[in-house]
Amino acid sequence: MSFKSKKYSIDSTDYQVGQDNITKWGMDVHNTVFTASAGLSILFIVALLILSPADAKAAIDTVKAAALSKFDFVFMWGANILLLFAIGIAFSPLGKIRLGGDEATTDYSTLSWISMLFAAGMGIGLIFWGVAEPTAFFTNWFGTPLNVEAYTSEGRELALGAAVFHWGFHAWAIYGMTALSLAYFVYNKGLPLSMRSVFYPLLGERVWGKVGDVIDVMAVLVILFGLATSLGLGGSQAASGISHVFGFENSLFLQLLVILVIMGLAIISVIRGMDGGVKVLSNLNMIIAFVFLGFLAVLNFTTVFNSLTTAVVGYVKNIIPLSQSAGREDTTWLHGWTVFYWAWWVAYAPFFGMFVARISKGRTIREFLVCVMVVPTLVTTAWMSFFGGIAIQQIIDKVGLLGVEQGISDVSLSLFYMLDAYPIGNILSIIAVALIIVFFVTTLDSGSIVVDSMTAGGKLELPIKQKVVWAFISAVIAMVMLWIGGTDSIQALQSITIIAALPFTFILLLGSVSLVKALLTEVERPKVTENTSA
């Protein structure tokens, strides 16, 4: 199969991107993608100011519920197929292919690379759900996995196993296949860093036209709304933690102030660049997270060791029944948790994929997939086991607020309630708040870099002010939504993102087919080929 393109020089790093770009206000942007993305974002903000948040949320939630229940098989099988794609490619001869060619070298050490992909991927989610999710499953808060009986040893095993299932191999396969597709087409085929590039083997020159514009605009909006959702929910959790620790009123003002601080720090990080910003913060994130994890492990060695073993056993025993949608009796739990998670990972995949693709040059495909899937799964298994296991044990032993309530009463405070059971609970809570903020700064920074590249036609080096603009827009969307409707508005935006994940699931599956089709050209042709230019 030929990759000769009329518009781009394929199989070469000497490509010409941005032929549809314009220079405006000192920024270099793709006219159609930037204008449509910025325009639709502003229109969305205006609509929020006009419409009733409660009415809008109710209508959107109805559509989301229909998407999750009527098309649950799409999300479930989509995740399963992407996992099989990843395993098959990693352990096939295609896994030997190096991103960027045989002579390509890496830009970052393996440790920094893993830290950055983890911080961008789901680090903040683990802070929010590390205690709440296993506890919810154990106590029958909105259903139990596979209808297991709550407050039992079997329920504990499945609660920990199901939490690892949601944050384990399936999630990282969705992320990994998206990132691999983008990295391969950018570094091995010389295409721009945008979602449209993945579909060149299937669509040919049409990816440079309106079809490609639609794909890129959809990706930008999903990324932008996902960032704003995370920022709004994370700002609320950080504000809840600050209020809980320092006694401040958890007011709208405090929540908006937290988001402003996160935005300001993210802008500073953007200005410092990839090496001085995202990489430094990601490494700092991982150091704090592992110190935090290790400290709790020392304080609760027996509990965390037992929980880790229980979680792994629960995961392995139940991965197949948890991966199915047909014939399930726990449909409320299935749609509210697993299908929702798969949709959320799909919606976040363009953001994660583009960021990780940008930092992954020089890795072999096998190394890439193994690291992206295995290492974060091990970390998330430890995190869910440690925090979830300690929280469940507090419930069983009736220790602290979790024990008194026999479960969670406030998701945003569940982590802090668990930490309150320790004599140095306030110190641990302060560390937790700091970790939440730093994780969000990293997420907003890397998200701004991704959206900036997407709206500039896939260029990698662009004026700093463009990244600042997108960090500002993401934060403004989150603040406006909190201001007009509180967390209801944020959850409405999250529902819109979930709805958009339904068509995006098909896009990711087609992208994986396109990737395999392209990878096969590497084994069909000689090692040395002549560059083909437009």
Protein backbone atom coordinates (compact mmCIF):
# COMPACT_ATOMS: atom_id res chain seq x y z
CA MET A 1 0.00 0.00 0.00
CA SER A 2 1.38 3.38 -0.97
CA PHE A 3 1.35 6.33 1.38
CA LYS A 4 2.03 8.87 -1.32
CA SER A 5 0.05 11.99 -0.53
CA LYS A 6 -0.48 15.00 -2.75
CA LYS A 7 -0.33 17.31 0.23
CA TYR A 8 2.26 15.84 2.57
CA SER A 9 5.62 14.19 2.19
CA ILE A 10 5.00 10.69 3.59
CA ASP A 11 7.66 8.41 5.11
CA SER A 12 9.73 11.47 5.89
CA THR A 13 10.08 13.84 8.79
CA ASP A 14 10.33 16.64 6.24
CA TYR A 15 6.62 17.22 5.85
CA GLN A 16 4.77 20.45 5.21
CA VAL A 17 1.93 20.94 7.67
CA GLY A 18 -0.45 23.80 8.06
CA GLN A 19 -1.15 24.57 4.40
CA ASP A 20 -4.63 25.67 5.50
CA ASN A 21 -3.21 27.73 8.37
CA ILE A 22 -3.58 31.45 8.86
CA THR A 23 -1.63 33.86 11.05
CA LYS A 24 -3.87 35.98 13.24
CA TRP A 25 -3.13 37.96 16.41
CA GLY A 26 0.36 36.50 16.50
CA MET A 27 -0.98 32.93 16.42
CA ASP A 28 -0.56 30.23 13.78
CA VAL A 29 -3.85 28.34 13.51
CA HIS A 30 -5.69 26.00 11.15
CA ASN A 31 -8.47 28.28 9.93
CA THR A 32 -11.36 25.79 9.90
CA VAL A 33 -10.50 23.71 12.97
CA PHE A 34 -9.56 26.67 15.18
CA THR A 35 -12.54 28.79 14.15
CA ALA A 36 -15.08 25.96 14.50
CA SER A 37 -13.63 24.75 17.83
CA ALA A 38 -13.37 28.21 19.40
CA GLY A 39 -16.76 29.26 18.01
CA LEU A 40 -18.59 26.18 19.27
CA SER A 41 -16.90 26.53 22.68
CA ILE A 42 -18.02 30.15 23.00
CA LEU A 43 -21.52 29.21 21.78
CA PHE A 44 -21.66 26.52 24.44
CA ILE A 45 -20.69 29.00 27.18
CA VAL A 46 -23.35 31.47 25.97
CA ALA A 47 -25.98 28.70 25.90
CA LEU A 48 -25.10 27.83 29.49
CA LEU A 49 -25.72 31.43 30.53
CA ILE A 50 -29.15 31.42 28.87
CA LEU A 51 -30.55 27.98 29.60
CA SER A 52 -31.64 26.63 32.97
CA PRO A 53 -28.83 24.34 34.24
CA ALA A 54 -31.31 21.96 35.89
CA ASP A 55 -33.46 21.62 32.74
CA ALA A 56 -30.40 21.23 30.51
CA LYS A 57 -28.92 18.57 32.81
CA ALA A 58 -32.18 16.62 32.91
CA ALA A 59 -32.46 16.58 29.11
CA ILE A 60 -28.81 15.68 28.59
CA ASP A 61 -28.91 12.96 31.25
CA THR A 62 -31.85 11.35 29.47
CA VAL A 63 -29.84 11.11 26.26
CA LYS A 64 -26.78 9.85 28.15
CA ALA A 65 -28.78 7.15 29.93
CA ALA A 66 -30.18 5.98 26.59
CA ALA A 67 -26.70 5.88 25.04
CA LEU A 68 -25.25 3.87 27.92
CA SER A 69 -28.14 1.40 28.16
CA LYS A 70 -29.09 0.90 24.51
CA PHE A 71 -25.53 0.78 23.21
CA ASP A 72 -23.77 -0.83 26.15
CA PHE A 73 -22.55 -3.64 23.86
CA VAL A 74 -20.76 -1.06 21.68
CA PHE A 75 -18.73 0.26 24.59
CA MET A 76 -18.10 -3.18 26.11
CA TRP A 77 -17.02 -4.87 22.90
CA GLY A 78 -15.17 -1.77 21.75
CA ALA A 79 -12.96 -1.94 24.85
CA ASN A 80 -12.49 -5.71 24.48
CA ILE A 81 -11.50 -5.43 20.81
CA LEU A 82 -9.03 -2.60 21.47
CA LEU A 83 -7.43 -4.73 24.22
CA LEU A 84 -7.10 -7.66 21.80
CA PHE A 85 -5.63 -5.33 19.15
CA ALA A 86 -3.03 -4.09 21.64
CA ILE A 87 -2.03 -7.57 22.82
CA GLY A 88 -1.89 -8.91 19.27
CA ILE A 89 0.29 -6.08 17.95
CA ALA A 90 2.61 -6.07 20.96
CA PHE A 91 3.46 -9.76 20.69
CA SER A 92 3.52 -10.00 16.90
CA PRO A 93 6.53 -9.21 14.66
CA LEU A 94 4.99 -5.73 14.27
CA GLY A 95 6.03 -5.03 17.86
CA LYS A 96 9.67 -4.69 16.72
CA ILE A 97 8.91 -1.57 14.67
CA ARG A 98 10.43 1.55 16.22
CA LEU A 99 8.49 4.81 16.33
CA GLY A 100 10.47 7.19 14.17
CA GLY A 101 12.46 4.52 12.31
CA ASP A 102 15.29 2.17 13.17
CA GLU A 103 17.70 4.97 14.08
CA ALA A 104 15.29 7.05 16.16
CA THR A 105 16.26 7.89 19.75
CA THR A 106 14.08 8.79 22.71
CA ASP A 107 13.60 12.36 23.93
CA TYR A 108 12.89 11.42 27.56
CA SER A 109 14.13 8.85 30.03
CA THR A 110 11.82 5.90 30.60
CA LEU A 111 11.01 7.06 34.13
CA SER A 112 10.09 10.61 33.05
CA TRP A 113 8.14 9.24 30.09
CA ILE A 114 6.08 6.91 32.29
CA SER A 115 5.54 9.71 34.83
CA MET A 116 4.21 12.03 32.12
CA LEU A 117 1.88 9.46 30.55
CA PHE A 118 0.53 8.47 33.96
CA ALA A 119 -0.01 12.07 35.11
CA ALA A 120 -1.82 12.92 31.87
CA GLY A 121 -3.80 9.68 31.80
CA MET A 122 -5.65 9.15 35.03
CA GLY A 123 -3.56 10.20 38.01
CA ILE A 124 -6.17 12.68 39.22
CA GLY A 125 -8.95 10.12 38.87
CA LEU A 126 -7.22 7.78 41.28
CA ILE A 127 -7.11 10.53 43.90
CA PHE A 128 -10.84 11.12 43.51
CA TRP A 129 -12.00 7.49 43.29
CA GLY A 130 -9.26 5.52 45.08
CA VAL A 131 -11.29 5.39 48.29
CA ALA A 132 -14.78 6.08 46.98
CA GLU A 133 -15.06 3.42 44.29
CA PRO A 134 -14.08 0.22 46.16
CA THR A 135 -16.06 1.50 49.16
CA ALA A 136 -19.13 2.11 46.98
CA PHE A 137 -18.95 -1.41 45.56
CA PHE A 138 -18.48 -2.98 48.99
CA THR A 139 -21.41 -1.13 50.59
CA ASN A 140 -23.89 -1.35 47.70
CA TRP A 141 -23.78 2.37 46.97
CA PHE A 142 -25.55 2.43 43.58
CA GLY A 143 -25.37 -1.34 43.11
CA THR A 144 -22.75 -4.06 43.47
CA PRO A 145 -20.68 -5.77 40.73
CA LEU A 146 -22.28 -9.00 39.49
CA ASN A 147 -24.92 -8.56 42.23
CA VAL A 148 -22.51 -9.82 44.89
CA GLU A 149 -23.75 -9.46 48.46
CA ALA A 150 -22.54 -6.27 50.15
CA TYR A 151 -20.47 -6.26 53.36
CA THR A 152 -19.14 -9.81 52.79
CA SER A 153 -15.68 -11.24 52.13
CA GLU A 154 -16.80 -12.11 48.59
CA GLY A 155 -18.10 -8.56 48.23
CA ARG A 156 -14.73 -7.20 49.36
CA GLU A 157 -12.86 -9.31 46.81
CA LEU A 158 -15.12 -8.27 43.96
CA ALA A 159 -15.19 -4.62 45.06
CA LEU A 160 -11.39 -4.39 44.86
CA GLY A 161 -11.22 -6.54 41.71
CA ALA A 162 -13.87 -4.50 39.89
CA ALA A 163 -12.11 -1.23 40.78
CA VAL A 164 -8.85 -2.58 39.30
CA PHE A 165 -10.84 -3.79 36.27
CA HIS A 166 -12.12 -0.28 35.57
CA TRP A 167 -8.66 1.29 35.84
CA GLY A 168 -6.59 -1.57 34.44
CA PHE A 169 -5.75 -3.16 31.09
CA HIS A 170 -8.98 -2.27 29.26
CA ALA A 171 -8.64 1.43 30.09
CA TRP A 172 -4.99 1.59 29.12
CA ALA A 173 -5.61 -0.39 25.92
CA ILE A 174 -8.11 2.30 24.85
CA TYR A 175 -5.52 4.96 25.62
CA GLY A 176 -2.58 2.97 24.25
CA MET A 177 -4.06 2.11 20.86
CA THR A 178 -5.03 5.75 20.28
CA ALA A 179 -1.58 6.97 21.28
CA LEU A 180 0.20 4.32 19.21
CA SER A 181 -1.83 5.13 16.10
CA LEU A 182 -0.99 8.81 16.34
CA ALA A 183 2.69 8.25 17.20
CA TYR A 184 3.18 5.84 14.29
CA PHE A 185 1.59 8.09 11.66
CA VAL A 186 3.46 11.13 12.94
CA TYR A 187 6.94 9.65 13.32
CA ASN A 188 6.96 6.83 10.78
CA LYS A 189 4.71 8.21 8.05
CA GLY A 190 5.42 11.91 8.38
CA LEU A 191 1.84 13.03 8.96
CA PRO A 192 0.76 15.92 11.23
CA LEU A 193 -0.20 15.31 14.86
CA SER A 194 -3.99 15.27 14.50
CA MET A 195 -6.71 12.64 14.66
CA ARG A 196 -7.35 12.88 10.91
CA SER A 197 -3.88 11.49 10.18
CA VAL A 198 -4.81 8.08 11.63
CA PHE A 199 -7.38 7.57 8.88
CA TYR A 200 -5.14 8.22 5.87
CA PRO A 201 -4.87 4.51 4.93
CA LEU A 202 -8.67 4.27 4.90
CA LEU A 203 -9.72 7.69 3.55
CA GLY A 204 -6.72 8.79 1.51
CA GLU A 205 -6.58 12.45 0.48
CA ARG A 206 -10.06 13.08 1.90
CA VAL A 207 -8.52 13.38 5.38
CA TRP A 208 -7.15 16.78 4.36
CA GLY A 209 -10.64 18.04 3.50
CA LYS A 210 -13.95 18.49 5.28
CA VAL A 211 -14.06 14.91 6.57
CA GLY A 212 -10.75 15.45 8.36
CA ASP A 213 -11.91 18.82 9.67
CA VAL A 214 -14.98 17.19 11.24
CA ILE A 215 -12.82 14.50 12.89
CA ASP A 216 -10.42 17.09 14.31
CA VAL A 217 -13.14 19.47 15.53
CA MET A 218 -14.93 16.57 17.26
CA ALA A 219 -11.67 15.57 18.92
CA VAL A 220 -10.95 19.14 20.07
CA LEU A 221 -14.42 19.57 21.60
CA VAL A 222 -14.29 16.20 23.36
CA ILE A 223 -10.85 17.04 24.77
CA LEU A 224 -11.88 20.56 25.78
CA PHE A 225 -15.11 19.49 27.47
CA GLY A 226 -13.32 16.59 29.16
CA LEU A 227 -10.69 18.97 30.52
CA ALA A 228 -13.32 21.41 31.74
CA THR A 229 -15.25 18.58 33.41
CA SER A 230 -12.16 17.27 35.15
CA LEU A 231 -11.15 20.77 36.19
CA GLY A 232 -14.60 21.52 37.60
CA LEU A 233 -14.92 18.26 39.53
CA GLY A 234 -11.29 18.40 40.66
CA GLY A 235 -11.63 22.01 41.75
CA SER A 236 -14.65 21.03 43.80
CA GLN A 237 -12.78 18.12 45.42
CA ALA A 238 -9.73 20.28 46.19
CA ALA A 239 -12.02 22.96 47.66
CA SER A 240 -13.78 20.31 49.74
CA GLY A 241 -10.41 19.13 51.04
CA ILE A 242 -9.24 22.66 51.86
CA SER A 243 -12.54 23.34 53.61
CA HIS A 244 -12.31 20.07 55.55
CA VAL A 245 -8.70 20.59 56.65
CA PHE A 246 -8.61 24.34 57.31
CA GLY A 247 -12.23 24.96 58.24
CA PHE A 248 -12.97 27.42 55.41
CA GLU A 249 -16.49 27.52 54.02
CA ASN A 250 -16.72 25.35 50.90
CA SER A 251 -18.23 28.18 48.91
CA LEU A 252 -18.44 28.90 45.19
CA PHE A 253 -15.78 31.55 45.72
CA LEU A 254 -13.34 28.96 47.11
CA GLN A 255 -14.01 26.57 44.21
CA LEU A 256 -13.47 29.31 41.63
CA LEU A 257 -10.32 30.44 43.43
CA VAL A 258 -8.91 26.91 43.32
CA ILE A 259 -9.56 26.70 39.56
CA LEU A 260 -7.92 30.11 39.06
CA VAL A 261 -4.84 28.92 40.96
CA ILE A 262 -4.69 25.74 38.87
CA MET A 263 -5.05 27.80 35.68
CA GLY A 264 -2.32 30.22 36.76
CA LEU A 265 0.10 27.42 37.61
CA ALA A 266 -0.73 25.65 34.33
CA ILE A 267 0.01 28.82 32.36
CA ILE A 268 3.38 29.15 34.12
CA SER A 269 4.07 25.51 33.27
CA VAL A 270 3.10 26.10 29.63
CA ILE A 271 5.46 29.06 29.40
CA ARG A 272 8.31 26.95 30.82
CA GLY A 273 7.86 24.43 28.02
CA MET A 274 7.64 20.66 27.94
CA ASP A 275 10.92 19.97 29.75
CA GLY A 276 10.61 22.72 32.34
CA GLY A 277 6.87 22.33 32.83
CA VAL A 278 5.05 19.04 32.25
CA LYS A 279 8.09 16.82 32.78
CA VAL A 280 9.09 18.48 36.06
CA LEU A 281 5.53 18.45 37.40
CA SER A 282 4.95 14.84 36.33
CA ASN A 283 8.10 13.70 38.10
CA LEU A 284 7.04 15.68 41.18
CA ASN A 285 3.59 14.07 41.00
CA MET A 286 5.01 10.58 40.99
CA ILE A 287 7.41 11.28 43.88
CA ILE A 288 4.62 12.67 46.08
CA ALA A 289 2.21 9.89 45.06
CA PHE A 290 4.68 7.09 45.83
CA VAL A 291 5.72 8.66 49.13
CA PHE A 292 2.03 8.95 50.01
CA LEU A 293 1.39 5.34 48.95
CA GLY A 294 4.46 4.04 50.78
CA PHE A 295 3.63 5.88 53.97
CA LEU A 296 0.14 4.36 54.13
CA ALA A 297 1.60 0.95 53.32
CA VAL A 298 3.97 1.18 56.30
CA LEU A 299 1.14 2.23 58.62
CA ASN A 300 -1.17 -0.56 57.39
CA PHE A 301 1.20 -3.26 56.12
CA THR A 302 -1.00 -6.27 56.89
CA THR A 303 -4.14 -4.62 55.49
CA VAL A 304 -2.58 -3.39 52.25
CA PHE A 305 -0.73 -6.66 51.59
CA ASN A 306 -3.93 -8.62 52.06
CA SER A 307 -5.90 -6.11 49.98
CA LEU A 308 -3.38 -6.26 47.15
CA THR A 309 -3.61 -10.04 47.00
CA THR A 310 -7.40 -9.89 47.21
CA ALA A 311 -7.64 -7.28 44.45
CA VAL A 312 -5.45 -9.26 42.04
CA VAL A 313 -7.40 -12.47 42.71
CA GLY A 314 -10.71 -10.64 42.32
CA TYR A 315 -9.56 -9.07 39.06
CA VAL A 316 -8.24 -12.28 37.49
CA LYS A 317 -11.25 -14.37 38.57
CA ASN A 318 -13.83 -11.90 37.30
CA ILE A 319 -12.26 -10.20 34.28
CA ILE A 320 -14.26 -12.28 31.79
CA PRO A 321 -17.73 -11.94 33.41
CA LEU A 322 -17.06 -8.23 34.04
CA SER A 323 -16.13 -7.79 30.36
CA GLN A 324 -19.50 -9.05 29.11
CA SER A 325 -22.76 -7.14 28.72
CA ALA A 326 -25.19 -9.84 27.57
CA GLY A 327 -27.14 -11.74 30.21
CA ARG A 328 -26.07 -9.51 33.09
CA GLU A 329 -28.47 -9.08 36.00
CA ASP A 330 -26.56 -6.16 37.51
CA THR A 331 -27.52 -3.80 34.68
CA THR A 332 -27.85 -0.74 36.93
CA TRP A 333 -24.31 -1.22 38.18
CA LEU A 334 -23.05 -2.15 34.69
CA HIS A 335 -24.38 0.99 33.03
CA GLY A 336 -23.61 3.31 35.92
CA TRP A 337 -20.03 2.15 36.35
CA THR A 338 -18.36 -0.04 33.69
CA VAL A 339 -20.09 1.31 30.58
CA PHE A 340 -19.73 4.84 31.91
CA TYR A 341 -16.00 4.29 32.48
CA TRP A 342 -15.43 2.82 29.04
CA ALA A 343 -17.20 5.81 27.49
CA TRP A 344 -15.12 8.22 29.59
CA TRP A 345 -11.83 6.56 28.61
CA VAL A 346 -12.88 6.72 24.94
CA ALA A 347 -13.74 10.41 25.30
CA TYR A 348 -10.38 11.11 26.97
CA ALA A 349 -8.40 8.96 24.49
CA PRO A 350 -7.75 11.71 21.88
CA PHE A 351 -6.23 13.95 24.57
CA PHE A 352 -4.12 11.21 26.10
CA GLY A 353 -3.22 9.75 22.71
CA MET A 354 -1.95 12.98 21.22
CA PHE A 355 0.03 13.96 24.30
CA VAL A 356 1.68 10.56 24.68
CA ALA A 357 2.34 10.32 20.94
CA ARG A 358 4.22 13.59 21.17
CA ILE A 359 6.61 12.28 23.85
CA SER A 360 7.08 8.68 22.60
CA LYS A 361 9.46 8.95 19.65
CA GLY A 362 12.18 6.29 19.68
CA ARG A 363 10.23 3.55 21.52
CA THR A 364 9.55 0.24 19.84
CA ILE A 365 5.87 -0.61 19.50
CA ARG A 366 6.30 -3.54 21.89
CA GLU A 367 8.04 -1.37 24.49
CA PHE A 368 5.41 1.32 24.00
CA LEU A 369 2.40 -0.95 24.48
CA VAL A 370 3.91 -2.93 27.36
CA CYS A 371 4.86 0.22 29.25
CA VAL A 372 1.62 2.06 28.51
CA MET A 373 -0.55 -0.90 29.52
CA VAL A 374 1.38 -2.84 32.16
CA VAL A 375 3.16 -0.21 34.25
CA PRO A 376 0.12 2.06 34.86
CA THR A 377 -2.04 -1.01 35.53
CA LEU A 378 0.40 -2.12 38.23
CA VAL A 379 0.38 1.36 39.78
CA THR A 380 -3.42 1.63 39.69
CA THR A 381 -3.74 -1.87 41.14
CA ALA A 382 -1.54 -0.85 44.07
CA TRP A 383 -3.38 2.45 44.51
CA MET A 384 -6.89 0.97 44.46
CA SER A 385 -5.80 -1.92 46.67
CA PHE A 386 -4.10 0.26 49.26
CA PHE A 387 -6.61 3.08 49.55
CA GLY A 388 -9.69 0.97 48.86
CA GLY A 389 -8.50 -1.81 51.14
CA ILE A 390 -7.79 0.53 54.04
CA ALA A 391 -11.17 2.25 53.60
CA ILE A 392 -13.05 -1.06 53.51
CA GLN A 393 -11.21 -2.24 56.62
CA GLN A 394 -12.20 0.97 58.42
CA ILE A 395 -15.83 0.21 57.54
CA ILE A 396 -15.53 -3.37 58.77
CA ASP A 397 -13.84 -2.27 62.01
CA LYS A 398 -16.15 0.76 62.36
CA VAL A 399 -13.17 3.12 62.54
CA GLY A 400 -13.46 6.83 61.72
CA LEU A 401 -16.20 8.53 59.73
CA LEU A 402 -16.29 5.80 57.09
CA GLY A 403 -16.87 3.27 59.85
CA VAL A 404 -19.55 5.35 61.51
CA GLU A 405 -21.39 5.93 58.24
CA GLN A 406 -20.69 2.35 57.10
CA GLY A 407 -19.79 3.72 53.70
CA ILE A 408 -19.37 6.99 51.83
CA SER A 409 -21.69 9.94 52.34
CA ASP A 410 -19.77 12.47 50.23
CA VAL A 411 -17.63 11.26 47.31
CA SER A 412 -15.46 14.38 47.24
CA LEU A 413 -14.57 13.92 50.93
CA SER A 414 -14.21 10.13 51.05
CA LEU A 415 -10.40 10.26 50.85
CA PHE A 416 -10.22 12.86 53.61
CA TYR A 417 -12.60 10.88 55.82
CA MET A 418 -10.29 7.88 55.50
CA LEU A 419 -7.23 9.98 56.37
CA ASP A 420 -8.97 11.50 59.40
CA ALA A 421 -8.70 8.13 61.16
CA TYR A 422 -4.92 8.69 61.56
CA PRO A 423 -3.33 10.87 64.26
CA ILE A 424 -1.57 12.85 61.53
CA GLY A 425 -4.67 12.95 59.34
CA ASN A 426 -4.45 16.70 58.77
CA ILE A 427 -0.90 16.44 57.44
CA LEU A 428 -1.89 13.59 55.13
CA SER A 429 -4.91 15.60 53.94
CA ILE A 430 -2.70 18.60 53.12
CA ILE A 431 -0.45 16.33 51.07
CA ALA A 432 -3.56 14.97 49.32
CA VAL A 433 -4.76 18.48 48.44
CA ALA A 434 -1.32 19.38 47.09
CA LEU A 435 -1.28 16.20 45.01
CA ILE A 436 -4.74 16.97 43.58
CA ILE A 437 -3.68 20.47 42.56
CA VAL A 438 -0.38 19.40 40.99
CA PHE A 439 -2.08 16.58 39.07
CA PHE A 440 -4.62 19.03 37.70
CA VAL A 441 -1.97 21.55 36.71
CA THR A 442 -0.23 18.78 34.75
CA THR A 443 -3.50 17.72 33.12
CA LEU A 444 -4.47 21.26 32.09
CA ASP A 445 -0.96 21.99 30.82
CA SER A 446 -0.73 18.84 28.69
CA GLY A 447 -4.32 19.27 27.51
CA SER A 448 -3.58 22.81 26.34
CA ILE A 449 -0.58 21.54 24.38
CA VAL A 450 -2.74 18.91 22.68
CA VAL A 451 -5.63 21.23 21.77
CA ASP A 452 -3.15 23.83 20.54
CA SER A 453 -1.51 21.34 18.18
CA MET A 454 -4.90 20.08 16.95
CA THR A 455 -6.16 23.57 16.15
CA ALA A 456 -2.91 24.41 14.35
CA GLY A 457 -3.15 21.61 11.79
CA GLY A 458 -0.92 19.20 13.69
CA LYS A 459 2.14 21.41 14.11
CA LEU A 460 4.40 20.60 17.05
CA GLU A 461 6.15 23.94 17.58
CA LEU A 462 3.82 26.90 18.00
CA PRO A 463 3.64 30.29 19.76
CA ILE A 464 3.25 29.95 23.52
CA LYS A 465 0.29 32.32 23.58
CA GLN A 466 -1.83 29.72 21.76
CA LYS A 467 -1.33 27.18 24.54
CA VAL A 468 -2.19 29.90 27.07
CA VAL A 469 -5.42 30.66 25.19
CA TRP A 470 -6.63 27.05 25.44
CA ALA A 471 -5.66 26.73 29.11
CA PHE A 472 -7.66 29.91 29.72
CA ILE A 473 -10.72 28.69 27.72
CA SER A 474 -10.79 25.33 29.56
CA ALA A 475 -10.68 27.06 32.93
CA VAL A 476 -13.32 29.63 31.93
CA ILE A 477 -15.73 26.89 30.81
CA ALA A 478 -15.28 25.13 34.16
CA MET A 479 -15.74 28.36 36.16
CA VAL A 480 -18.77 29.51 34.19
CA MET A 481 -20.43 26.13 34.68
CA LEU A 482 -19.76 26.13 38.42
CA TRP A 483 -20.98 29.70 38.66
CA ILE A 484 -24.32 29.18 36.91
CA GLY A 485 -25.20 25.68 38.05
CA GLY A 486 -22.63 24.25 40.44
CA THR A 487 -21.71 20.61 40.08
CA ASP A 488 -24.99 19.97 38.21
CA SER A 489 -23.64 21.96 35.27
CA ILE A 490 -20.29 20.18 35.43
CA GLN A 491 -22.05 16.82 35.42
CA ALA A 492 -24.15 17.96 32.43
CA LEU A 493 -20.94 18.72 30.55
CA GLN A 494 -19.61 15.32 31.56
CA SER A 495 -22.77 13.74 30.15
CA ILE A 496 -22.25 15.54 26.83
CA THR A 497 -18.72 14.14 26.72
CA ILE A 498 -20.05 10.64 27.40
CA ILE A 499 -22.62 10.96 24.60
CA ALA A 500 -19.87 12.03 22.19
CA ALA A 501 -17.93 8.88 23.14
CA LEU A 502 -20.45 6.68 21.32
CA PRO A 503 -19.46 7.73 17.77
CA PHE A 504 -15.87 8.10 18.93
CA THR A 505 -15.76 4.40 19.85
CA PHE A 506 -16.25 3.57 16.18
CA ILE A 507 -13.60 6.13 15.25
CA LEU A 508 -11.06 4.46 17.56
CA LEU A 509 -11.89 1.00 16.20
CA LEU A 510 -11.49 2.20 12.62
CA GLY A 511 -8.27 3.91 13.64
CA SER A 512 -6.90 0.60 14.93
CA VAL A 513 -7.78 -1.12 11.64
CA SER A 514 -6.06 1.72 9.80
CA LEU A 515 -2.98 1.32 12.02
CA VAL A 516 -2.69 -2.42 11.35
CA LYS A 517 -3.12 -1.80 7.62
CA ALA A 518 -0.26 0.71 7.76
CA LEU A 519 1.98 -1.45 9.97
CA LEU A 520 1.76 -4.31 7.51
CA THR A 521 3.48 -2.11 4.92
CA GLU A 522 6.56 -2.17 7.16
CA VAL A 523 6.95 -5.93 6.75
CA GLU A 524 5.93 -5.97 3.09
CA ARG A 525 8.58 -3.57 1.82
CA PRO A 526 12.39 -3.42 2.02
CA LYS A 527 14.03 -1.74 4.99
CA VAL A 528 15.43 1.11 2.89
CA THR A 529 13.00 3.08 0.76
CA GLU A 530 13.21 6.25 -1.23
CA ASN A 531 11.32 9.24 0.12
CA THR A 532 8.29 10.24 -1.87
CA SER A 533 7.41 13.91 -1.86
CA ALA A 534 4.31 15.71 -2.89
